[in-house]
Amino acid sequence: MKLSVHALLAVAIAAATAATVIAHAASSAHAQTYPAKPVRIIVPFAPGGGTDTIARTLAQKLTEAWAQTVIVENRAGAGGLIGSQAVLSAPADGYTLGLGTISTHAIIPLTQAKPRYDPLKDFAAVTLISTVPYVLAAHPSLPARNLAEFVAFARGKPGQISYGTPGYGTGIHLTAEYLSSFTGIKLVHVPYKGDALVLVDLFAGQISTAVLTTIVTGQHVRSGRIRGVAMLTAQRTRDLPNVPTAREAGYAIESQSWQGISVRAGTPPDIVRKLNTDIVRVLNTPDVRNGIEAQGNTVSPGTPEEFERFIAAEIAKWRKVIASAGIKIE
């Protein structure tokens, strides 16, 4: 017996609907039993740093919540590229989490001549964890106590004011280029291999300024060893309440470091949602939140969709800065 076109269409729709229902049921079943084995959090940097500390805090609390081992695996190298690729080489099953940062998810893909991955297409966002303010710091001998005075001073000495960063193409380097472009000043970049070396030369007056996180500079600004010229945030921070913002000087400049959790694209949506729910719950517990914020971070968890939009906005902002500064890393 031949079926009419309408009947064939009805059969096809019913089959597609059934397949969708079966797939959703399977995904839900996976989420209900997840995690059924140990979970890895890959940190794309060496042990001991702020990002590593956050990962280990999460690992401990998730191990307790899930009654399943969560381990931290440090895969340092190439500014975070190696660790990010390790996440993408793992199965898309939710058992390998990546702790991404401004470097891995907004800068590296934009500064490479041949990008190794697309942070929006190749990763599934889970949640933003925290943000860390950047501050423009200076040696006390520099006659500038706010950004307006700094810009006026730098304009009078084009190409003579040096600034240190923990490396070429880092978020801090791009922030300094962003600052220079926005204010119309010309500074001299001095790249180092890490924050500690930047501070040593800033203390000694070998470099005039540096853009660093409040985690690195906070205690030294408070002690007067270096001067906080401007917070590159919308509002003053609780850690450095006496340091004025760039906005207070009339410059709408905002830049910050950040960390978040992602998994490989293709991970079942229900597992992504469960990861989001459980990680956000951990981040909002008072001991975890207070511990992370004691380091100078602001805990800022949200939905996967919010984190994805956040990453997209960061990429759009830094793409303009990179193009203007002509930054490329082969």
C-alpha atoms as a PDB file:
ATOM      1  CA  MET A   1       0.000   0.000   0.000  1.00  0.00           C
ATOM      2  CA  LYS A   2       1.400   3.364  -1.003  1.00  0.00           C
ATOM      3  CA  LEU A   3       1.407   6.193   1.526  1.00  0.00           C
ATOM      4  CA  SER A   4       0.493   9.742   0.589  1.00  0.00           C
ATOM      5  CA  VAL A   5       3.046  12.524   0.733  1.00  0.00           C
ATOM      6  CA  HIS A   6       1.379  13.843   3.895  1.00  0.00           C
ATOM      7  CA  ALA A   7       1.508  10.419   5.496  1.00  0.00           C
ATOM      8  CA  LEU A   8       5.194   9.997   4.626  1.00  0.00           C
ATOM      9  CA  LEU A   9       5.907  13.439   6.065  1.00  0.00           C
ATOM     10  CA  ALA A  10       4.046  12.555   9.254  1.00  0.00           C
ATOM     11  CA  VAL A  11       6.067   9.353   9.598  1.00  0.00           C
ATOM     12  CA  ALA A  12       9.336  11.250   9.089  1.00  0.00           C
ATOM     13  CA  ILE A  13       8.388  13.879  11.681  1.00  0.00           C
ATOM     14  CA  ALA A  14       7.383  11.203  14.159  1.00  0.00           C
ATOM     15  CA  ALA A  15      10.687   9.376  13.646  1.00  0.00           C
ATOM     16  CA  ALA A  16      12.712  12.572  14.084  1.00  0.00           C
ATOM     17  CA  THR A  17      10.764  13.462  17.226  1.00  0.00           C
ATOM     18  CA  ALA A  18      11.314   9.986  18.638  1.00  0.00           C
ATOM     19  CA  ALA A  19      15.033  10.207  17.931  1.00  0.00           C
ATOM     20  CA  THR A  20      15.202  13.586  19.681  1.00  0.00           C
ATOM     21  CA  VAL A  21      13.342  12.250  22.703  1.00  0.00           C
ATOM     22  CA  ILE A  22      15.628   9.209  22.874  1.00  0.00           C
ATOM     23  CA  ALA A  23      18.745  11.361  22.583  1.00  0.00           C
ATOM     24  CA  HIS A  24      17.496  13.723  25.285  1.00  0.00           C
ATOM     25  CA  ALA A  25      16.632  10.825  27.553  1.00  0.00           C
ATOM     26  CA  ALA A  26      20.096   9.351  27.048  1.00  0.00           C
ATOM     27  CA  SER A  27      21.695  12.723  27.787  1.00  0.00           C
ATOM     28  CA  SER A  28      19.585  13.141  30.926  1.00  0.00           C
ATOM     29  CA  ALA A  29      20.523   9.646  32.043  1.00  0.00           C
ATOM     30  CA  HIS A  30      24.204  10.482  31.614  1.00  0.00           C
ATOM     31  CA  ALA A  31      23.787  13.658  33.648  1.00  0.00           C
ATOM     32  CA  GLN A  32      22.007  11.783  36.436  1.00  0.00           C
ATOM     33  CA  THR A  33      24.881   9.336  36.805  1.00  0.00           C
ATOM     34  CA  TYR A  34      27.631  11.911  36.225  1.00  0.00           C
ATOM     35  CA  PRO A  35      30.342  11.711  37.398  1.00  0.00           C
ATOM     36  CA  ALA A  36      30.786   7.954  37.404  1.00  0.00           C
ATOM     37  CA  LYS A  37      34.593   8.121  37.336  1.00  0.00           C
ATOM     38  CA  PRO A  38      37.392  10.575  38.240  1.00  0.00           C
ATOM     39  CA  VAL A  39      37.276  14.046  36.694  1.00  0.00           C
ATOM     40  CA  ARG A  40      40.281  16.121  35.586  1.00  0.00           C
ATOM     41  CA  ILE A  41      40.667  19.884  35.757  1.00  0.00           C
ATOM     42  CA  ILE A  42      43.435  20.927  33.376  1.00  0.00           C
ATOM     43  CA  VAL A  43      45.266  24.093  34.398  1.00  0.00           C
ATOM     44  CA  PRO A  44      47.287  25.532  31.477  1.00  0.00           C
ATOM     45  CA  PHE A  45      49.882  27.040  33.810  1.00  0.00           C
ATOM     46  CA  ALA A  46      52.492  25.861  36.302  1.00  0.00           C
ATOM     47  CA  PRO A  47      51.571  24.905  39.890  1.00  0.00           C
ATOM     48  CA  GLY A  48      51.509  27.562  42.561  1.00  0.00           C
ATOM     49  CA  GLY A  49      49.896  30.483  40.745  1.00  0.00           C
ATOM     50  CA  GLY A  50      46.505  32.045  41.397  1.00  0.00           C
ATOM     51  CA  THR A  51      44.774  30.042  38.660  1.00  0.00           C
ATOM     52  CA  ASP A  52      46.220  26.804  40.023  1.00  0.00           C
ATOM     53  CA  THR A  53      45.058  27.676  43.547  1.00  0.00           C
ATOM     54  CA  ILE A  54      41.494  28.233  42.335  1.00  0.00           C
ATOM     55  CA  ALA A  55      41.532  24.912  40.482  1.00  0.00           C
ATOM     56  CA  ARG A  56      42.710  23.029  43.571  1.00  0.00           C
ATOM     57  CA  THR A  57      40.030  24.640  45.720  1.00  0.00           C
ATOM     58  CA  LEU A  58      37.378  23.601  43.202  1.00  0.00           C
ATOM     59  CA  ALA A  59      38.813  20.093  42.941  1.00  0.00           C
ATOM     60  CA  GLN A  60      38.670  19.566  46.690  1.00  0.00           C
ATOM     61  CA  LYS A  61      35.103  20.825  47.050  1.00  0.00           C
ATOM     62  CA  LEU A  62      33.791  18.960  44.005  1.00  0.00           C
ATOM     63  CA  THR A  63      35.412  15.752  45.254  1.00  0.00           C
ATOM     64  CA  GLU A  64      33.431  16.171  48.469  1.00  0.00           C
ATOM     65  CA  ALA A  65      30.202  17.045  46.650  1.00  0.00           C
ATOM     66  CA  TRP A  66      30.380  14.238  44.113  1.00  0.00           C
ATOM     67  CA  ALA A  67      32.046  11.562  46.255  1.00  0.00           C
ATOM     68  CA  GLN A  68      34.247  11.120  43.202  1.00  0.00           C
ATOM     69  CA  THR A  69      37.899  12.072  42.779  1.00  0.00           C
ATOM     70  CA  VAL A  70      38.626  15.349  40.997  1.00  0.00           C
ATOM     71  CA  ILE A  71      42.289  15.871  40.182  1.00  0.00           C
ATOM     72  CA  VAL A  72      44.199  18.921  38.948  1.00  0.00           C
ATOM     73  CA  GLU A  73      46.568  18.411  36.060  1.00  0.00           C
ATOM     74  CA  ASN A  74      49.009  21.198  35.225  1.00  0.00           C
ATOM     75  CA  ARG A  75      49.838  21.371  31.518  1.00  0.00           C
ATOM     76  CA  ALA A  76      51.904  24.544  31.287  1.00  0.00           C
ATOM     77  CA  GLY A  77      53.520  25.994  28.185  1.00  0.00           C
ATOM     78  CA  ALA A  78      53.062  28.396  25.278  1.00  0.00           C
ATOM     79  CA  GLY A  79      51.092  30.878  27.373  1.00  0.00           C
ATOM     80  CA  GLY A  80      48.310  28.382  28.028  1.00  0.00           C
ATOM     81  CA  LEU A  81      48.083  26.885  24.531  1.00  0.00           C
ATOM     82  CA  ILE A  82      49.310  23.414  25.525  1.00  0.00           C
ATOM     83  CA  GLY A  83      46.785  23.004  28.308  1.00  0.00           C
ATOM     84  CA  SER A  84      43.935  24.233  26.125  1.00  0.00           C
ATOM     85  CA  GLN A  85      44.812  21.749  23.407  1.00  0.00           C
ATOM     86  CA  ALA A  86      44.903  18.981  26.025  1.00  0.00           C
ATOM     87  CA  VAL A  87      41.263  19.725  26.850  1.00  0.00           C
ATOM     88  CA  LEU A  88      40.340  19.593  23.177  1.00  0.00           C
ATOM     89  CA  SER A  89      42.132  16.276  22.665  1.00  0.00           C
ATOM     90  CA  ALA A  90      40.062  14.617  25.422  1.00  0.00           C
ATOM     91  CA  PRO A  91      36.627  13.039  24.810  1.00  0.00           C
ATOM     92  CA  ALA A  92      33.633  15.400  24.904  1.00  0.00           C
ATOM     93  CA  ASP A  93      32.125  13.638  27.892  1.00  0.00           C
ATOM     94  CA  GLY A  94      32.530  16.140  30.727  1.00  0.00           C
ATOM     95  CA  TYR A  95      35.348  14.293  32.455  1.00  0.00           C
ATOM     96  CA  THR A  96      38.019  16.779  31.358  1.00  0.00           C
ATOM     97  CA  LEU A  97      37.462  20.368  32.416  1.00  0.00           C
ATOM     98  CA  GLY A  98      39.623  23.263  31.333  1.00  0.00           C
ATOM     99  CA  LEU A  99      40.366  26.254  33.526  1.00  0.00           C
ATOM    100  CA  GLY A 100      40.567  28.939  30.886  1.00  0.00           C
ATOM    101  CA  THR A 101      41.705  32.540  31.241  1.00  0.00           C
ATOM    102  CA  ILE A 102      41.846  35.783  29.315  1.00  0.00           C
ATOM    103  CA  SER A 103      45.028  34.415  27.686  1.00  0.00           C
ATOM    104  CA  THR A 104      43.666  31.042  26.560  1.00  0.00           C
ATOM    105  CA  HIS A 105      40.167  32.116  25.520  1.00  0.00           C
ATOM    106  CA  ALA A 106      40.577  35.681  24.255  1.00  0.00           C
ATOM    107  CA  ILE A 107      44.173  36.454  23.357  1.00  0.00           C
ATOM    108  CA  ILE A 108      46.085  33.384  22.125  1.00  0.00           C
ATOM    109  CA  PRO A 109      43.607  32.643  19.309  1.00  0.00           C
ATOM    110  CA  LEU A 110      43.888  36.259  18.141  1.00  0.00           C
ATOM    111  CA  THR A 111      47.656  36.669  18.278  1.00  0.00           C
ATOM    112  CA  GLN A 112      48.613  33.519  16.383  1.00  0.00           C
ATOM    113  CA  ALA A 113      49.174  33.699  12.646  1.00  0.00           C
ATOM    114  CA  LYS A 114      47.462  30.291  12.396  1.00  0.00           C
ATOM    115  CA  PRO A 115      45.089  29.869  15.369  1.00  0.00           C
ATOM    116  CA  ARG A 116      45.018  26.345  16.819  1.00  0.00           C
ATOM    117  CA  TYR A 117      41.425  26.617  18.032  1.00  0.00           C
ATOM    118  CA  ASP A 118      38.341  28.812  18.224  1.00  0.00           C
ATOM    119  CA  PRO A 119      37.339  29.417  21.868  1.00  0.00           C
ATOM    120  CA  LEU A 120      33.668  29.868  20.947  1.00  0.00           C
ATOM    121  CA  LYS A 121      33.311  26.951  18.536  1.00  0.00           C
ATOM    122  CA  ASP A 122      35.696  24.388  20.015  1.00  0.00           C
ATOM    123  CA  PHE A 123      34.789  24.855  23.684  1.00  0.00           C
ATOM    124  CA  ALA A 124      31.481  24.772  25.548  1.00  0.00           C
ATOM    125  CA  ALA A 125      31.367  27.447  28.243  1.00  0.00           C
ATOM    126  CA  VAL A 126      30.405  26.250  31.731  1.00  0.00           C
ATOM    127  CA  THR A 127      30.826  29.260  34.015  1.00  0.00           C
ATOM    128  CA  LEU A 128      32.946  32.296  34.718  1.00  0.00           C
ATOM    129  CA  ILE A 129      34.726  31.838  38.050  1.00  0.00           C
ATOM    130  CA  SER A 130      36.274  35.170  38.944  1.00  0.00           C
ATOM    131  CA  THR A 131      37.742  38.393  37.693  1.00  0.00           C
ATOM    132  CA  VAL A 132      40.922  40.151  38.816  1.00  0.00           C
ATOM    133  CA  PRO A 133      41.401  43.927  38.414  1.00  0.00           C
ATOM    134  CA  TYR A 134      44.405  45.391  36.634  1.00  0.00           C
ATOM    135  CA  VAL A 135      46.151  48.430  38.079  1.00  0.00           C
ATOM    136  CA  LEU A 136      48.597  50.839  36.473  1.00  0.00           C
ATOM    137  CA  ALA A 137      51.462  50.998  38.979  1.00  0.00           C
ATOM    138  CA  ALA A 138      54.512  53.250  38.943  1.00  0.00           C
ATOM    139  CA  HIS A 139      57.797  53.792  40.723  1.00  0.00           C
ATOM    140  CA  PRO A 140      57.278  56.456  43.430  1.00  0.00           C
ATOM    141  CA  SER A 141      59.662  58.813  41.633  1.00  0.00           C
ATOM    142  CA  LEU A 142      57.240  59.172  38.720  1.00  0.00           C
ATOM    143  CA  PRO A 143      55.357  62.478  39.232  1.00  0.00           C
ATOM    144  CA  ALA A 144      51.837  61.170  38.586  1.00  0.00           C
ATOM    145  CA  ARG A 145      49.178  60.343  41.152  1.00  0.00           C
ATOM    146  CA  ASN A 146      46.295  59.650  38.779  1.00  0.00           C
ATOM    147  CA  LEU A 147      45.815  58.791  35.131  1.00  0.00           C
ATOM    148  CA  ALA A 148      45.287  62.372  33.976  1.00  0.00           C
ATOM    149  CA  GLU A 149      48.663  63.390  35.442  1.00  0.00           C
ATOM    150  CA  PHE A 150      50.296  60.258  34.012  1.00  0.00           C
ATOM    151  CA  VAL A 151      48.985  60.952  30.499  1.00  0.00           C
ATOM    152  CA  ALA A 152      50.151  64.570  30.652  1.00  0.00           C
ATOM    153  CA  PHE A 153      53.601  63.475  31.832  1.00  0.00           C
ATOM    154  CA  ALA A 154      53.902  60.720  29.186  1.00  0.00           C
ATOM    155  CA  ARG A 155      52.837  63.064  26.379  1.00  0.00           C
ATOM    156  CA  GLY A 156      55.728  65.302  27.308  1.00  0.00           C
ATOM    157  CA  LYS A 157      58.160  62.372  27.058  1.00  0.00           C
ATOM    158  CA  PRO A 158      57.039  60.284  24.066  1.00  0.00           C
ATOM    159  CA  GLY A 159      58.899  56.985  23.831  1.00  0.00           C
ATOM    160  CA  GLN A 160      60.759  57.587  27.101  1.00  0.00           C
ATOM    161  CA  ILE A 161      58.426  55.991  29.674  1.00  0.00           C
ATOM    162  CA  SER A 162      58.960  52.238  30.015  1.00  0.00           C
ATOM    163  CA  TYR A 163      56.481  49.670  31.227  1.00  0.00           C
ATOM    164  CA  GLY A 164      57.087  46.053  32.181  1.00  0.00           C
ATOM    165  CA  THR A 165      54.887  43.026  31.514  1.00  0.00           C
ATOM    166  CA  PRO A 166      55.187  39.285  32.191  1.00  0.00           C
ATOM    167  CA  GLY A 167      55.520  38.640  28.463  1.00  0.00           C
ATOM    168  CA  TYR A 168      54.781  39.691  24.912  1.00  0.00           C
ATOM    169  CA  GLY A 169      51.196  39.033  23.842  1.00  0.00           C
ATOM    170  CA  THR A 170      49.887  38.511  27.379  1.00  0.00           C
ATOM    171  CA  GLY A 171      46.677  40.071  28.655  1.00  0.00           C
ATOM    172  CA  ILE A 172      48.759  42.568  30.590  1.00  0.00           C
ATOM    173  CA  HIS A 173      50.758  43.539  27.496  1.00  0.00           C
ATOM    174  CA  LEU A 174      47.557  44.084  25.535  1.00  0.00           C
ATOM    175  CA  THR A 175      46.061  46.094  28.375  1.00  0.00           C
ATOM    176  CA  ALA A 176      49.048  48.443  28.319  1.00  0.00           C
ATOM    177  CA  GLU A 177      48.707  48.781  24.533  1.00  0.00           C
ATOM    178  CA  TYR A 178      44.997  49.443  25.011  1.00  0.00           C
ATOM    179  CA  LEU A 179      45.814  52.156  27.547  1.00  0.00           C
ATOM    180  CA  SER A 180      48.409  53.731  25.241  1.00  0.00           C
ATOM    181  CA  SER A 181      46.096  53.722  22.228  1.00  0.00           C
ATOM    182  CA  PHE A 182      43.123  55.078  24.156  1.00  0.00           C
ATOM    183  CA  THR A 183      45.054  57.942  25.735  1.00  0.00           C
ATOM    184  CA  GLY A 184      47.267  58.733  22.749  1.00  0.00           C
ATOM    185  CA  ILE A 185      50.583  58.209  24.532  1.00  0.00           C
ATOM    186  CA  LYS A 186      53.658  56.288  23.423  1.00  0.00           C
ATOM    187  CA  LEU A 187      55.296  53.961  25.954  1.00  0.00           C
ATOM    188  CA  VAL A 188      58.228  51.530  25.672  1.00  0.00           C
ATOM    189  CA  HIS A 189      57.418  47.867  26.279  1.00  0.00           C
ATOM    190  CA  VAL A 190      59.894  45.804  28.340  1.00  0.00           C
ATOM    191  CA  PRO A 191      58.785  42.131  28.427  1.00  0.00           C
ATOM    192  CA  TYR A 192      59.880  39.824  31.270  1.00  0.00           C
ATOM    193  CA  LYS A 193      59.401  36.161  32.071  1.00  0.00           C
ATOM    194  CA  GLY A 194      56.889  36.528  34.858  1.00  0.00           C
ATOM    195  CA  ASP A 195      55.351  39.035  37.268  1.00  0.00           C
ATOM    196  CA  ALA A 196      58.058  38.661  39.917  1.00  0.00           C
ATOM    197  CA  LEU A 197      60.798  39.961  37.628  1.00  0.00           C
ATOM    198  CA  VAL A 198      58.646  42.933  36.626  1.00  0.00           C
ATOM    199  CA  LEU A 199      58.232  43.872  40.278  1.00  0.00           C
ATOM    200  CA  VAL A 200      61.969  43.597  41.000  1.00  0.00           C
ATOM    201  CA  ASP A 201      62.832  46.143  38.319  1.00  0.00           C
ATOM    202  CA  LEU A 202      59.861  48.359  39.179  1.00  0.00           C
ATOM    203  CA  PHE A 203      61.016  48.485  42.806  1.00  0.00           C
ATOM    204  CA  ALA A 204      64.512  49.411  41.626  1.00  0.00           C
ATOM    205  CA  GLY A 205      63.288  52.054  39.195  1.00  0.00           C
ATOM    206  CA  GLN A 206      64.728  50.196  36.201  1.00  0.00           C
ATOM    207  CA  ILE A 207      61.292  50.525  34.595  1.00  0.00           C
ATOM    208  CA  SER A 208      58.907  53.402  35.249  1.00  0.00           C
ATOM    209  CA  THR A 209      55.552  51.652  35.232  1.00  0.00           C
ATOM    210  CA  ALA A 210      53.777  48.323  34.942  1.00  0.00           C
ATOM    211  CA  VAL A 211      50.244  47.065  34.450  1.00  0.00           C
ATOM    212  CA  LEU A 212      49.707  44.140  36.810  1.00  0.00           C
ATOM    213  CA  THR A 213      46.885  42.521  38.746  1.00  0.00           C
ATOM    214  CA  THR A 214      45.964  43.690  42.216  1.00  0.00           C
ATOM    215  CA  ILE A 215      46.939  40.215  43.438  1.00  0.00           C
ATOM    216  CA  VAL A 216      50.546  40.942  42.493  1.00  0.00           C
ATOM    217  CA  THR A 217      50.710  44.626  43.387  1.00  0.00           C
ATOM    218  CA  GLY A 218      48.228  45.107  46.238  1.00  0.00           C
ATOM    219  CA  GLN A 219      50.505  44.775  49.260  1.00  0.00           C
ATOM    220  CA  HIS A 220      53.255  46.837  47.629  1.00  0.00           C
ATOM    221  CA  VAL A 221      50.893  49.689  46.759  1.00  0.00           C
ATOM    222  CA  ARG A 222      49.515  49.685  50.292  1.00  0.00           C
ATOM    223  CA  SER A 223      53.048  49.782  51.737  1.00  0.00           C
ATOM    224  CA  GLY A 224      54.054  52.668  49.448  1.00  0.00           C
ATOM    225  CA  ARG A 225      56.808  50.703  47.760  1.00  0.00           C
ATOM    226  CA  ILE A 226      55.126  51.400  44.433  1.00  0.00           C
ATOM    227  CA  ARG A 227      52.351  53.846  43.579  1.00  0.00           C
ATOM    228  CA  GLY A 228      48.919  52.898  42.299  1.00  0.00           C
ATOM    229  CA  VAL A 229      48.206  55.396  39.522  1.00  0.00           C
ATOM    230  CA  ALA A 230      44.891  54.069  38.214  1.00  0.00           C
ATOM    231  CA  MET A 231      42.542  51.126  38.591  1.00  0.00           C
ATOM    232  CA  LEU A 232      41.466  49.891  35.169  1.00  0.00           C
ATOM    233  CA  THR A 233      38.015  49.067  36.496  1.00  0.00           C
ATOM    234  CA  ALA A 234      34.642  50.803  36.528  1.00  0.00           C
ATOM    235  CA  GLN A 235      34.799  51.315  40.278  1.00  0.00           C
ATOM    236  CA  ARG A 236      37.458  51.482  42.965  1.00  0.00           C
ATOM    237  CA  THR A 237      38.299  48.161  44.576  1.00  0.00           C
ATOM    238  CA  ARG A 238      38.055  47.169  48.221  1.00  0.00           C
ATOM    239  CA  ASP A 239      41.735  46.092  48.165  1.00  0.00           C
ATOM    240  CA  LEU A 240      43.027  49.461  46.949  1.00  0.00           C
ATOM    241  CA  PRO A 241      40.279  51.953  47.810  1.00  0.00           C
ATOM    242  CA  ASN A 242      42.628  54.957  47.592  1.00  0.00           C
ATOM    243  CA  VAL A 243      43.667  54.283  43.991  1.00  0.00           C
ATOM    244  CA  PRO A 244      41.423  56.267  41.584  1.00  0.00           C
ATOM    245  CA  THR A 245      39.941  54.659  38.492  1.00  0.00           C
ATOM    246  CA  ALA A 246      40.710  55.562  34.888  1.00  0.00           C
ATOM    247  CA  ARG A 247      37.116  56.745  34.572  1.00  0.00           C
ATOM    248  CA  GLU A 248      37.665  59.291  37.310  1.00  0.00           C
ATOM    249  CA  ALA A 249      40.323  60.852  35.063  1.00  0.00           C
ATOM    250  CA  GLY A 250      37.913  60.905  32.131  1.00  0.00           C
ATOM    251  CA  TYR A 251      39.044  57.721  30.357  1.00  0.00           C
ATOM    252  CA  ALA A 252      36.503  54.911  29.879  1.00  0.00           C
ATOM    253  CA  ILE A 253      39.113  52.156  30.083  1.00  0.00           C
ATOM    254  CA  GLU A 254      38.265  48.802  31.619  1.00  0.00           C
ATOM    255  CA  SER A 255      40.443  45.692  31.630  1.00  0.00           C
ATOM    256  CA  GLN A 256      40.737  42.724  33.908  1.00  0.00           C
ATOM    257  CA  SER A 257      42.113  39.233  34.115  1.00  0.00           C
ATOM    258  CA  TRP A 258      39.635  36.394  34.561  1.00  0.00           C
ATOM    259  CA  GLN A 259      39.227  32.634  34.938  1.00  0.00           C
ATOM    260  CA  GLY A 260      36.437  30.269  33.950  1.00  0.00           C
ATOM    261  CA  ILE A 261      35.575  26.631  33.341  1.00  0.00           C
ATOM    262  CA  SER A 262      34.969  25.209  29.866  1.00  0.00           C
ATOM    263  CA  VAL A 263      34.736  21.746  28.348  1.00  0.00           C
ATOM    264  CA  ARG A 264      35.178  20.457  24.852  1.00  0.00           C
ATOM    265  CA  ALA A 265      32.370  21.370  22.446  1.00  0.00           C
ATOM    266  CA  GLY A 266      29.974  18.491  21.925  1.00  0.00           C
ATOM    267  CA  THR A 267      29.754  17.627  25.606  1.00  0.00           C
ATOM    268  CA  PRO A 268      26.112  16.660  26.336  1.00  0.00           C
ATOM    269  CA  PRO A 269      24.161  19.805  27.318  1.00  0.00           C
ATOM    270  CA  ASP A 270      22.739  18.187  30.454  1.00  0.00           C
ATOM    271  CA  ILE A 271      26.247  17.441  31.698  1.00  0.00           C
ATOM    272  CA  VAL A 272      27.298  21.035  30.964  1.00  0.00           C
ATOM    273  CA  ARG A 273      24.266  22.203  32.945  1.00  0.00           C
ATOM    274  CA  LYS A 274      25.053  19.887  35.853  1.00  0.00           C
ATOM    275  CA  LEU A 275      28.653  21.077  35.900  1.00  0.00           C
ATOM    276  CA  ASN A 276      27.424  24.649  35.945  1.00  0.00           C
ATOM    277  CA  THR A 277      24.974  24.025  38.784  1.00  0.00           C
ATOM    278  CA  ASP A 278      27.472  22.177  40.952  1.00  0.00           C
ATOM    279  CA  ILE A 279      30.425  24.508  40.345  1.00  0.00           C
ATOM    280  CA  VAL A 280      28.327  27.638  40.928  1.00  0.00           C
ATOM    281  CA  ARG A 281      27.036  26.115  44.168  1.00  0.00           C
ATOM    282  CA  VAL A 282      30.615  25.465  45.316  1.00  0.00           C
ATOM    283  CA  LEU A 283      31.761  28.974  44.370  1.00  0.00           C
ATOM    284  CA  ASN A 284      28.913  30.518  46.336  1.00  0.00           C
ATOM    285  CA  THR A 285      29.723  28.719  49.585  1.00  0.00           C
ATOM    286  CA  PRO A 286      31.136  31.276  52.056  1.00  0.00           C
ATOM    287  CA  ASP A 287      34.469  29.521  52.677  1.00  0.00           C
ATOM    288  CA  VAL A 288      35.248  29.117  48.966  1.00  0.00           C
ATOM    289  CA  ARG A 289      34.095  32.617  48.016  1.00  0.00           C
ATOM    290  CA  ASN A 290      35.987  34.219  50.905  1.00  0.00           C
ATOM    291  CA  GLY A 291      39.114  32.178  50.175  1.00  0.00           C
ATOM    292  CA  ILE A 292      39.218  33.148  46.507  1.00  0.00           C
ATOM    293  CA  GLU A 293      38.387  36.789  47.178  1.00  0.00           C
ATOM    294  CA  ALA A 294      41.076  36.976  49.865  1.00  0.00           C
ATOM    295  CA  GLN A 295      43.560  36.553  46.995  1.00  0.00           C
ATOM    296  CA  GLY A 296      42.201  39.690  45.297  1.00  0.00           C
ATOM    297  CA  ASN A 297      39.697  38.043  42.955  1.00  0.00           C
ATOM    298  CA  THR A 298      36.004  38.846  42.624  1.00  0.00           C
ATOM    299  CA  VAL A 299      33.955  35.644  42.425  1.00  0.00           C
ATOM    300  CA  SER A 300      31.534  36.055  39.501  1.00  0.00           C
ATOM    301  CA  PRO A 301      29.812  32.770  38.549  1.00  0.00           C
ATOM    302  CA  GLY A 302      26.866  32.677  36.150  1.00  0.00           C
ATOM    303  CA  THR A 303      25.183  30.609  33.461  1.00  0.00           C
ATOM    304  CA  PRO A 304      26.933  28.972  30.489  1.00  0.00           C
ATOM    305  CA  GLU A 305      25.184  31.438  28.198  1.00  0.00           C
ATOM    306  CA  GLU A 306      26.431  34.407  30.210  1.00  0.00           C
ATOM    307  CA  PHE A 307      29.990  33.088  30.146  1.00  0.00           C
ATOM    308  CA  GLU A 308      29.823  32.525  26.395  1.00  0.00           C
ATOM    309  CA  ARG A 309      28.643  36.104  25.847  1.00  0.00           C
ATOM    310  CA  PHE A 310      31.400  37.342  28.155  1.00  0.00           C
ATOM    311  CA  ILE A 311      34.068  35.505  26.125  1.00  0.00           C
ATOM    312  CA  ALA A 312      32.624  36.826  22.850  1.00  0.00           C
ATOM    313  CA  ALA A 313      32.767  40.400  24.180  1.00  0.00           C
ATOM    314  CA  GLU A 314      36.375  39.933  25.338  1.00  0.00           C
ATOM    315  CA  ILE A 315      37.396  38.581  21.938  1.00  0.00           C
ATOM    316  CA  ALA A 316      35.757  41.519  20.163  1.00  0.00           C
ATOM    317  CA  LYS A 317      37.505  44.044  22.413  1.00  0.00           C
ATOM    318  CA  TRP A 318      40.964  42.509  22.166  1.00  0.00           C
ATOM    319  CA  ARG A 319      40.703  41.928  18.423  1.00  0.00           C
ATOM    320  CA  LYS A 320      40.579  45.716  17.955  1.00  0.00           C
ATOM    321  CA  VAL A 321      43.531  46.279  20.303  1.00  0.00           C
ATOM    322  CA  ILE A 322      45.635  43.593  18.616  1.00  0.00           C
ATOM    323  CA  ALA A 323      44.913  44.957  15.151  1.00  0.00           C
ATOM    324  CA  SER A 324      45.791  48.480  16.242  1.00  0.00           C
ATOM    325  CA  ALA A 325      49.044  47.406  17.910  1.00  0.00           C
ATOM    326  CA  GLY A 326      50.000  44.949  15.147  1.00  0.00           C
ATOM    327  CA  ILE A 327      50.676  42.127  17.612  1.00  0.00           C
ATOM    328  CA  LYS A 328      51.341  38.673  16.144  1.00  0.00           C
ATOM    329  CA  ILE A 329      52.947  35.555  17.593  1.00  0.00           C
ATOM    330  CA  GLU A 330      54.193  32.947  15.154  1.00  0.00           C
END
